[in-house]
Amino acid sequence: MAATTRASAVPAALDRALALLKLDARPADLQAAAAPGYLDLLGEEEPTSTGIGQDLMLTGVVPMIYERWWRPALGRVAKGLLGPGMADEHRIARLLLGLTPGDGVLDVACGPGNFTRRFAHLVGQTGLAVGIDASPTMLERAVRDSPDPFGNLLYVRGNAVELPFRDRSFDAVCCFAALHLFAKPFVALDHMARVLTPGGRVAVFTSCRTRSAPLRTVDGLVGARSGIRMFEHDEITGALAERGFEDVRQRVSGLTQFVGGRKA
């Protein structure tokens, strides 16, 4: 099936994804909410800022350079010179999520959709890939950059912390490079666990504090100035275990960590 341009068209996967939304989250005027090419559940509502790190994601400049320059450059600084690159991040996400054709996958704080659209190809025509983000500029870029050959891809402007989806809606949930920007990261983990089916997989890429006392002073200061939360080494793995995840795995790289687990 040929790829289609969706820049102002109603997304092909809209009807399929609507069934996954909570009843009180469904917009009264569906056509108007989907007019931008993504499903807008926030309207005029603006997300509460946690600092400059999150504010930059809402600008028009960062989405233009995010995938090619912004994210790789910041990632390299945070992960270290020998840490995994962007291609490695995609591979790690695939391994942690274990996506197969027919799966439903949610990309939390999806930004310009650089992971979401790849997930759509992995789950195929019988699967569904949904990206949710609060930034309209990020989602506009995601829609422009995401051909939809399977009709299985939808972007949603919504609350990425208190997810608007029904319980047990997805087989996999990914949250890369965002949890540390949330005002309530552990509420976000509650909702990620809630929307997963039994046996569903989660993949998280976020910050991780060092164990060296001098460096902890530096990373703590950087986090406080930028609005980025620096998680302790065992904080995310412990939080997943508390929420009923099994086979929890962690890979630390510089000031970052990749964590995955399977919901019991």
C-alpha atoms as a PDB file:
ATOM      1  CA  MET A   1       0.000   0.000   0.000  1.00  0.00           C
ATOM      2  CA  ALA A   2       1.478   3.370  -0.964  1.00  0.00           C
ATOM      3  CA  ALA A   3       2.372   5.891   1.698  1.00  0.00           C
ATOM      4  CA  THR A   4      -0.067   8.765   2.053  1.00  0.00           C
ATOM      5  CA  THR A   5       0.397  12.374   3.103  1.00  0.00           C
ATOM      6  CA  ARG A   6      -1.520  13.091   6.270  1.00  0.00           C
ATOM      7  CA  ALA A   7      -0.727  16.759   6.957  1.00  0.00           C
ATOM      8  CA  SER A   8      -4.338  18.018   7.686  1.00  0.00           C
ATOM      9  CA  ALA A   9      -6.165  14.747   6.870  1.00  0.00           C
ATOM     10  CA  VAL A  10      -8.083  12.658   9.395  1.00  0.00           C
ATOM     11  CA  PRO A  11      -5.631   9.971  10.563  1.00  0.00           C
ATOM     12  CA  ALA A  12      -6.447   6.533   9.187  1.00  0.00           C
ATOM     13  CA  ALA A  13      -6.013   4.843  12.583  1.00  0.00           C
ATOM     14  CA  LEU A  14      -8.364   7.237  14.389  1.00  0.00           C
ATOM     15  CA  ASP A  15     -11.331   4.875  14.651  1.00  0.00           C
ATOM     16  CA  ARG A  16      -9.162   2.042  15.955  1.00  0.00           C
ATOM     17  CA  ALA A  17      -7.520   4.226  18.580  1.00  0.00           C
ATOM     18  CA  LEU A  18     -10.779   5.795  19.792  1.00  0.00           C
ATOM     19  CA  ALA A  19     -11.795   2.474  21.312  1.00  0.00           C
ATOM     20  CA  LEU A  20      -8.714   2.679  23.549  1.00  0.00           C
ATOM     21  CA  LEU A  21      -9.583   6.102  24.992  1.00  0.00           C
ATOM     22  CA  LYS A  22     -11.445   6.501  28.262  1.00  0.00           C
ATOM     23  CA  LEU A  23     -15.019   7.581  27.625  1.00  0.00           C
ATOM     24  CA  ASP A  24     -14.543  10.936  29.348  1.00  0.00           C
ATOM     25  CA  ALA A  25     -11.431  11.640  27.248  1.00  0.00           C
ATOM     26  CA  ARG A  26     -13.164  11.329  23.878  1.00  0.00           C
ATOM     27  CA  PRO A  27     -13.731  14.722  22.220  1.00  0.00           C
ATOM     28  CA  ALA A  28     -17.286  15.874  21.523  1.00  0.00           C
ATOM     29  CA  ASP A  29     -16.311  17.193  18.088  1.00  0.00           C
ATOM     30  CA  LEU A  30     -14.109  14.451  16.703  1.00  0.00           C
ATOM     31  CA  GLN A  31     -13.570  16.038  13.293  1.00  0.00           C
ATOM     32  CA  ALA A  32     -12.363  19.311  14.812  1.00  0.00           C
ATOM     33  CA  ALA A  33     -10.108  17.509  17.302  1.00  0.00           C
ATOM     34  CA  ALA A  34      -8.483  15.499  14.499  1.00  0.00           C
ATOM     35  CA  ALA A  35      -8.202  18.404  12.050  1.00  0.00           C
ATOM     36  CA  PRO A  36      -4.460  19.057  12.647  1.00  0.00           C
ATOM     37  CA  GLY A  37      -3.644  15.504  11.493  1.00  0.00           C
ATOM     38  CA  TYR A  38      -3.324  14.353  15.112  1.00  0.00           C
ATOM     39  CA  LEU A  39      -6.018  13.922  17.756  1.00  0.00           C
ATOM     40  CA  ASP A  40      -6.023  16.976  20.033  1.00  0.00           C
ATOM     41  CA  LEU A  41      -7.415  16.199  23.490  1.00  0.00           C
ATOM     42  CA  LEU A  42      -6.040  19.340  25.172  1.00  0.00           C
ATOM     43  CA  GLY A  43      -7.360  22.223  23.080  1.00  0.00           C
ATOM     44  CA  GLU A  44      -6.277  25.462  24.700  1.00  0.00           C
ATOM     45  CA  GLU A  45      -4.921  23.725  27.788  1.00  0.00           C
ATOM     46  CA  GLU A  46      -1.162  24.121  28.274  1.00  0.00           C
ATOM     47  CA  PRO A  47       1.028  21.652  30.211  1.00  0.00           C
ATOM     48  CA  THR A  48       2.538  22.766  33.525  1.00  0.00           C
ATOM     49  CA  SER A  49       6.208  23.579  32.994  1.00  0.00           C
ATOM     50  CA  THR A  50       8.882  21.858  35.069  1.00  0.00           C
ATOM     51  CA  GLY A  51      11.664  24.101  33.784  1.00  0.00           C
ATOM     52  CA  ILE A  52      13.605  25.180  30.727  1.00  0.00           C
ATOM     53  CA  GLY A  53      14.079  21.603  29.527  1.00  0.00           C
ATOM     54  CA  GLN A  54      10.344  21.124  29.037  1.00  0.00           C
ATOM     55  CA  ASP A  55       9.744  24.686  27.837  1.00  0.00           C
ATOM     56  CA  LEU A  56      12.115  24.141  24.912  1.00  0.00           C
ATOM     57  CA  MET A  57      10.054  21.164  23.738  1.00  0.00           C
ATOM     58  CA  LEU A  58       7.071  23.491  23.245  1.00  0.00           C
ATOM     59  CA  THR A  59       8.897  25.931  20.980  1.00  0.00           C
ATOM     60  CA  GLY A  60       8.853  25.894  17.191  1.00  0.00           C
ATOM     61  CA  VAL A  61      12.649  25.725  16.867  1.00  0.00           C
ATOM     62  CA  VAL A  62      13.488  22.523  18.743  1.00  0.00           C
ATOM     63  CA  PRO A  63      11.125  20.277  16.729  1.00  0.00           C
ATOM     64  CA  MET A  64      12.871  21.426  13.532  1.00  0.00           C
ATOM     65  CA  ILE A  65      16.298  20.258  14.739  1.00  0.00           C
ATOM     66  CA  TYR A  66      15.306  17.649  17.327  1.00  0.00           C
ATOM     67  CA  GLU A  67      15.862  14.409  15.450  1.00  0.00           C
ATOM     68  CA  ARG A  68      18.989  15.284  13.502  1.00  0.00           C
ATOM     69  CA  TRP A  69      20.855  17.611  15.868  1.00  0.00           C
ATOM     70  CA  TRP A  70      19.258  18.314  19.249  1.00  0.00           C
ATOM     71  CA  ARG A  71      18.543  14.814  20.535  1.00  0.00           C
ATOM     72  CA  PRO A  72      21.739  13.134  19.250  1.00  0.00           C
ATOM     73  CA  ALA A  73      23.957  15.936  20.603  1.00  0.00           C
ATOM     74  CA  LEU A  74      22.382  16.043  24.073  1.00  0.00           C
ATOM     75  CA  GLY A  75      22.268  12.265  24.171  1.00  0.00           C
ATOM     76  CA  ARG A  76      25.966  12.033  23.400  1.00  0.00           C
ATOM     77  CA  VAL A  77      26.800  14.432  26.241  1.00  0.00           C
ATOM     78  CA  ALA A  78      24.565  12.587  28.713  1.00  0.00           C
ATOM     79  CA  LYS A  79      25.442   9.033  27.644  1.00  0.00           C
ATOM     80  CA  GLY A  80      29.176   9.643  27.293  1.00  0.00           C
ATOM     81  CA  LEU A  81      31.422   9.358  24.247  1.00  0.00           C
ATOM     82  CA  LEU A  82      31.328   5.556  24.323  1.00  0.00           C
ATOM     83  CA  GLY A  83      27.611   5.332  25.046  1.00  0.00           C
ATOM     84  CA  PRO A  84      25.013   4.060  22.580  1.00  0.00           C
ATOM     85  CA  GLY A  85      24.117   6.267  19.612  1.00  0.00           C
ATOM     86  CA  MET A  86      20.650   6.883  18.213  1.00  0.00           C
ATOM     87  CA  ALA A  87      20.673   3.717  16.086  1.00  0.00           C
ATOM     88  CA  ASP A  88      21.582   1.783  19.246  1.00  0.00           C
ATOM     89  CA  GLU A  89      18.721   3.435  21.127  1.00  0.00           C
ATOM     90  CA  HIS A  90      16.242   2.215  18.519  1.00  0.00           C
ATOM     91  CA  ARG A  91      17.721  -1.275  18.800  1.00  0.00           C
ATOM     92  CA  ILE A  92      17.525  -1.202  22.610  1.00  0.00           C
ATOM     93  CA  ALA A  93      13.898  -0.060  22.478  1.00  0.00           C
ATOM     94  CA  ARG A  94      13.042  -2.903  20.086  1.00  0.00           C
ATOM     95  CA  LEU A  95      14.747  -5.468  22.304  1.00  0.00           C
ATOM     96  CA  LEU A  96      13.116  -4.217  25.516  1.00  0.00           C
ATOM     97  CA  LEU A  97       9.649  -4.003  23.956  1.00  0.00           C
ATOM     98  CA  GLY A  98       9.855  -7.230  21.956  1.00  0.00           C
ATOM     99  CA  LEU A  99       7.379  -5.912  19.385  1.00  0.00           C
ATOM    100  CA  THR A 100       5.748  -8.373  17.013  1.00  0.00           C
ATOM    101  CA  PRO A 101       3.177  -7.912  14.218  1.00  0.00           C
ATOM    102  CA  GLY A 102      -0.264  -7.214  15.659  1.00  0.00           C
ATOM    103  CA  ASP A 103       0.947  -5.527  18.860  1.00  0.00           C
ATOM    104  CA  GLY A 104      -0.417  -2.238  20.141  1.00  0.00           C
ATOM    105  CA  VAL A 105       2.353   0.102  21.284  1.00  0.00           C
ATOM    106  CA  LEU A 106       2.185   3.483  23.021  1.00  0.00           C
ATOM    107  CA  ASP A 107       5.058   5.975  22.711  1.00  0.00           C
ATOM    108  CA  VAL A 108       4.815   8.333  25.708  1.00  0.00           C
ATOM    109  CA  ALA A 109       6.118  11.892  25.124  1.00  0.00           C
ATOM    110  CA  CYS A 110       6.778  10.895  21.523  1.00  0.00           C
ATOM    111  CA  GLY A 111       8.116  14.275  20.370  1.00  0.00           C
ATOM    112  CA  PRO A 112       8.460  14.370  16.564  1.00  0.00           C
ATOM    113  CA  GLY A 113       7.675  10.660  16.285  1.00  0.00           C
ATOM    114  CA  ASN A 114      11.159   9.354  15.537  1.00  0.00           C
ATOM    115  CA  PHE A 115      10.464   6.183  17.547  1.00  0.00           C
ATOM    116  CA  THR A 116       6.699   5.988  16.965  1.00  0.00           C
ATOM    117  CA  ARG A 117       6.852   5.657  13.201  1.00  0.00           C
ATOM    118  CA  ARG A 118       9.438   2.875  13.454  1.00  0.00           C
ATOM    119  CA  PHE A 119       7.204   1.046  15.890  1.00  0.00           C
ATOM    120  CA  ALA A 120       4.382   1.324  13.343  1.00  0.00           C
ATOM    121  CA  HIS A 121       6.474  -0.596  10.827  1.00  0.00           C
ATOM    122  CA  LEU A 122       7.389  -3.256  13.384  1.00  0.00           C
ATOM    123  CA  VAL A 123       3.795  -3.999  14.439  1.00  0.00           C
ATOM    124  CA  GLY A 124       2.547  -3.974  10.843  1.00  0.00           C
ATOM    125  CA  GLN A 125      -0.897  -3.654   9.357  1.00  0.00           C
ATOM    126  CA  THR A 126      -2.632  -5.610  12.141  1.00  0.00           C
ATOM    127  CA  GLY A 127      -0.908  -3.633  14.890  1.00  0.00           C
ATOM    128  CA  LEU A 128      -1.292  -0.067  16.149  1.00  0.00           C
ATOM    129  CA  ALA A 129       1.278   2.556  17.117  1.00  0.00           C
ATOM    130  CA  VAL A 130       0.135   5.605  19.117  1.00  0.00           C
ATOM    131  CA  GLY A 131       2.357   8.524  20.076  1.00  0.00           C
ATOM    132  CA  ILE A 132       1.221  10.966  22.754  1.00  0.00           C
ATOM    133  CA  ASP A 133       2.766  14.361  23.502  1.00  0.00           C
ATOM    134  CA  ALA A 134       1.622  17.731  24.844  1.00  0.00           C
ATOM    135  CA  SER A 135       3.564  19.862  22.345  1.00  0.00           C
ATOM    136  CA  PRO A 136       1.621  20.863  19.215  1.00  0.00           C
ATOM    137  CA  THR A 137       4.830  21.890  17.433  1.00  0.00           C
ATOM    138  CA  MET A 138       6.368  18.469  18.060  1.00  0.00           C
ATOM    139  CA  LEU A 139       3.240  16.704  16.828  1.00  0.00           C
ATOM    140  CA  GLU A 140       3.001  18.884  13.722  1.00  0.00           C
ATOM    141  CA  ARG A 141       6.520  17.767  12.848  1.00  0.00           C
ATOM    142  CA  ALA A 142       5.631  14.156  13.636  1.00  0.00           C
ATOM    143  CA  VAL A 143       2.663  14.224  11.263  1.00  0.00           C
ATOM    144  CA  ARG A 144       4.737  15.796   8.472  1.00  0.00           C
ATOM    145  CA  ASP A 145       7.570  13.280   8.858  1.00  0.00           C
ATOM    146  CA  SER A 146       5.514  10.104   9.278  1.00  0.00           C
ATOM    147  CA  PRO A 147       4.254   8.296   6.188  1.00  0.00           C
ATOM    148  CA  ASP A 148       1.544   5.833   7.185  1.00  0.00           C
ATOM    149  CA  PRO A 149       1.722   2.877   4.783  1.00  0.00           C
ATOM    150  CA  PHE A 150      -0.341   0.586   7.027  1.00  0.00           C
ATOM    151  CA  GLY A 151      -2.964   3.009   8.368  1.00  0.00           C
ATOM    152  CA  ASN A 152      -1.837   1.974  11.856  1.00  0.00           C
ATOM    153  CA  LEU A 153      -0.263   5.177  13.209  1.00  0.00           C
ATOM    154  CA  LEU A 154      -1.871   7.915  15.305  1.00  0.00           C
ATOM    155  CA  TYR A 155      -0.483  10.890  17.177  1.00  0.00           C
ATOM    156  CA  VAL A 156      -2.388  12.279  20.154  1.00  0.00           C
ATOM    157  CA  ARG A 157      -1.962  15.629  21.878  1.00  0.00           C
ATOM    158  CA  GLY A 158      -2.751  14.771  25.449  1.00  0.00           C
ATOM    159  CA  ASN A 159      -1.525  14.399  28.995  1.00  0.00           C
ATOM    160  CA  ALA A 160       1.537  12.143  28.827  1.00  0.00           C
ATOM    161  CA  VAL A 161       1.569  11.721  32.615  1.00  0.00           C
ATOM    162  CA  GLU A 162      -2.063  10.899  33.393  1.00  0.00           C
ATOM    163  CA  LEU A 163      -2.672   8.895  30.250  1.00  0.00           C
ATOM    164  CA  PRO A 164      -6.184   9.203  28.739  1.00  0.00           C
ATOM    165  CA  PHE A 165      -6.325   5.537  27.714  1.00  0.00           C
ATOM    166  CA  ARG A 166      -8.329   2.667  29.184  1.00  0.00           C
ATOM    167  CA  ASP A 167      -6.778  -0.019  31.380  1.00  0.00           C
ATOM    168  CA  ARG A 168      -4.995  -2.833  29.523  1.00  0.00           C
ATOM    169  CA  SER A 169      -5.020  -1.014  26.185  1.00  0.00           C
ATOM    170  CA  PHE A 170      -1.475  -1.671  24.923  1.00  0.00           C
ATOM    171  CA  ASP A 171       0.973  -4.549  24.649  1.00  0.00           C
ATOM    172  CA  ALA A 172       3.991  -2.268  24.989  1.00  0.00           C
ATOM    173  CA  VAL A 173       4.774   1.223  26.309  1.00  0.00           C
ATOM    174  CA  CYS A 174       7.898   3.218  25.498  1.00  0.00           C
ATOM    175  CA  CYS A 175       9.050   6.419  27.215  1.00  0.00           C
ATOM    176  CA  PHE A 176      12.438   7.554  25.963  1.00  0.00           C
ATOM    177  CA  ALA A 177      14.140  10.805  27.029  1.00  0.00           C
ATOM    178  CA  ALA A 178      11.103  12.263  28.793  1.00  0.00           C
ATOM    179  CA  LEU A 179      10.394  10.822  32.254  1.00  0.00           C
ATOM    180  CA  HIS A 180      12.957  13.146  33.870  1.00  0.00           C
ATOM    181  CA  LEU A 181      11.010  16.157  32.509  1.00  0.00           C
ATOM    182  CA  PHE A 182       7.708  15.166  34.123  1.00  0.00           C
ATOM    183  CA  ALA A 183       6.496  16.948  37.253  1.00  0.00           C
ATOM    184  CA  LYS A 184       5.063  13.631  38.496  1.00  0.00           C
ATOM    185  CA  PRO A 185       7.220  10.869  37.028  1.00  0.00           C
ATOM    186  CA  PHE A 186       5.956   8.132  39.342  1.00  0.00           C
ATOM    187  CA  VAL A 187       2.343   8.980  38.541  1.00  0.00           C
ATOM    188  CA  ALA A 188       3.393   8.551  34.903  1.00  0.00           C
ATOM    189  CA  LEU A 189       4.772   5.095  35.720  1.00  0.00           C
ATOM    190  CA  ASP A 190       1.482   4.252  37.463  1.00  0.00           C
ATOM    191  CA  HIS A 191      -0.388   5.034  34.265  1.00  0.00           C
ATOM    192  CA  MET A 192       2.080   3.181  32.047  1.00  0.00           C
ATOM    193  CA  ALA A 193       1.546   0.094  34.185  1.00  0.00           C
ATOM    194  CA  ARG A 194      -2.217   0.621  34.147  1.00  0.00           C
ATOM    195  CA  VAL A 195      -2.558   0.756  30.352  1.00  0.00           C
ATOM    196  CA  LEU A 196      -0.418  -2.339  29.770  1.00  0.00           C
ATOM    197  CA  THR A 197      -1.922  -5.764  29.196  1.00  0.00           C
ATOM    198  CA  PRO A 198      -0.692  -8.659  31.396  1.00  0.00           C
ATOM    199  CA  GLY A 199       2.688  -9.661  29.998  1.00  0.00           C
ATOM    200  CA  GLY A 200       3.069  -6.231  28.393  1.00  0.00           C
ATOM    201  CA  ARG A 201       6.517  -4.669  28.194  1.00  0.00           C
ATOM    202  CA  VAL A 202       7.807  -1.245  29.175  1.00  0.00           C
ATOM    203  CA  ALA A 203      10.968   0.521  27.995  1.00  0.00           C
ATOM    204  CA  VAL A 204      12.267   3.676  29.675  1.00  0.00           C
ATOM    205  CA  PHE A 205      15.285   5.830  28.839  1.00  0.00           C
ATOM    206  CA  THR A 206      15.915   8.520  31.422  1.00  0.00           C
ATOM    207  CA  SER A 207      18.465  10.152  33.709  1.00  0.00           C
ATOM    208  CA  CYS A 208      20.641   8.388  36.270  1.00  0.00           C
ATOM    209  CA  ARG A 209      22.777   9.978  38.964  1.00  0.00           C
ATOM    210  CA  THR A 210      26.371   8.921  39.366  1.00  0.00           C
ATOM    211  CA  ARG A 211      27.721   7.310  42.532  1.00  0.00           C
ATOM    212  CA  SER A 212      30.758   9.591  42.709  1.00  0.00           C
ATOM    213  CA  ALA A 213      30.297  12.294  45.364  1.00  0.00           C
ATOM    214  CA  PRO A 214      31.953  15.135  43.362  1.00  0.00           C
ATOM    215  CA  LEU A 215      29.992  14.275  40.213  1.00  0.00           C
ATOM    216  CA  ARG A 216      26.754  13.989  42.182  1.00  0.00           C
ATOM    217  CA  THR A 217      27.172  17.621  43.150  1.00  0.00           C
ATOM    218  CA  VAL A 218      27.487  18.573  39.485  1.00  0.00           C
ATOM    219  CA  ASP A 219      24.623  16.449  38.148  1.00  0.00           C
ATOM    220  CA  GLY A 220      22.377  17.611  40.998  1.00  0.00           C
ATOM    221  CA  LEU A 221      23.092  21.248  40.141  1.00  0.00           C
ATOM    222  CA  VAL A 222      22.504  20.679  36.430  1.00  0.00           C
ATOM    223  CA  GLY A 223      19.212  18.974  37.165  1.00  0.00           C
ATOM    224  CA  ALA A 224      18.008  21.741  39.472  1.00  0.00           C
ATOM    225  CA  ARG A 225      18.856  24.494  36.986  1.00  0.00           C
ATOM    226  CA  SER A 226      17.281  22.780  33.975  1.00  0.00           C
ATOM    227  CA  GLY A 227      14.181  21.248  35.535  1.00  0.00           C
ATOM    228  CA  ILE A 228      15.536  17.770  34.754  1.00  0.00           C
ATOM    229  CA  ARG A 229      15.057  15.257  37.541  1.00  0.00           C
ATOM    230  CA  MET A 230      18.127  13.128  38.194  1.00  0.00           C
ATOM    231  CA  PHE A 231      16.979   9.690  39.321  1.00  0.00           C
ATOM    232  CA  GLU A 232      19.004   7.612  41.733  1.00  0.00           C
ATOM    233  CA  HIS A 233      20.600   4.432  40.393  1.00  0.00           C
ATOM    234  CA  ASP A 234      17.937   2.058  41.747  1.00  0.00           C
ATOM    235  CA  GLU A 235      14.976   4.439  41.732  1.00  0.00           C
ATOM    236  CA  ILE A 236      13.370   3.453  38.416  1.00  0.00           C
ATOM    237  CA  THR A 237      14.101  -0.277  38.671  1.00  0.00           C
ATOM    238  CA  GLY A 238      12.617  -0.252  42.183  1.00  0.00           C
ATOM    239  CA  ALA A 239       9.560   1.698  41.023  1.00  0.00           C
ATOM    240  CA  LEU A 240       8.867  -0.830  38.262  1.00  0.00           C
ATOM    241  CA  ALA A 241       9.212  -3.745  40.665  1.00  0.00           C
ATOM    242  CA  GLU A 242       6.775  -2.057  43.053  1.00  0.00           C
ATOM    243  CA  ARG A 243       4.281  -1.771  40.188  1.00  0.00           C
ATOM    244  CA  GLY A 244       4.340  -5.479  39.466  1.00  0.00           C
ATOM    245  CA  PHE A 245       6.956  -5.656  36.720  1.00  0.00           C
ATOM    246  CA  GLU A 246       9.141  -8.729  36.386  1.00  0.00           C
ATOM    247  CA  ASP A 247      12.417  -9.373  34.549  1.00  0.00           C
ATOM    248  CA  VAL A 248      13.431  -5.765  35.214  1.00  0.00           C
ATOM    249  CA  ARG A 249      16.657  -4.945  33.381  1.00  0.00           C
ATOM    250  CA  GLN A 250      18.872  -1.876  33.516  1.00  0.00           C
ATOM    251  CA  ARG A 251      21.759  -0.535  31.452  1.00  0.00           C
ATOM    252  CA  VAL A 252      23.521   2.579  32.760  1.00  0.00           C
ATOM    253  CA  SER A 253      25.461   4.788  30.367  1.00  0.00           C
ATOM    254  CA  GLY A 254      26.984   8.011  31.681  1.00  0.00           C
ATOM    255  CA  LEU A 255      24.217  10.057  33.272  1.00  0.00           C
ATOM    256  CA  THR A 256      21.478   7.964  31.665  1.00  0.00           C
ATOM    257  CA  GLN A 257      19.839   4.573  32.022  1.00  0.00           C
ATOM    258  CA  PHE A 258      17.773   2.205  29.902  1.00  0.00           C
ATOM    259  CA  VAL A 259      15.276   0.186  31.937  1.00  0.00           C
ATOM    260  CA  GLY A 260      12.804  -2.440  30.791  1.00  0.00           C
ATOM    261  CA  GLY A 261      10.409  -4.905  32.377  1.00  0.00           C
ATOM    262  CA  ARG A 262       7.424  -7.146  31.807  1.00  0.00           C
ATOM    263  CA  LYS A 263       4.101  -6.659  33.583  1.00  0.00           C
ATOM    264  CA  ALA A 264       3.091  -9.739  35.561  1.00  0.00           C
END
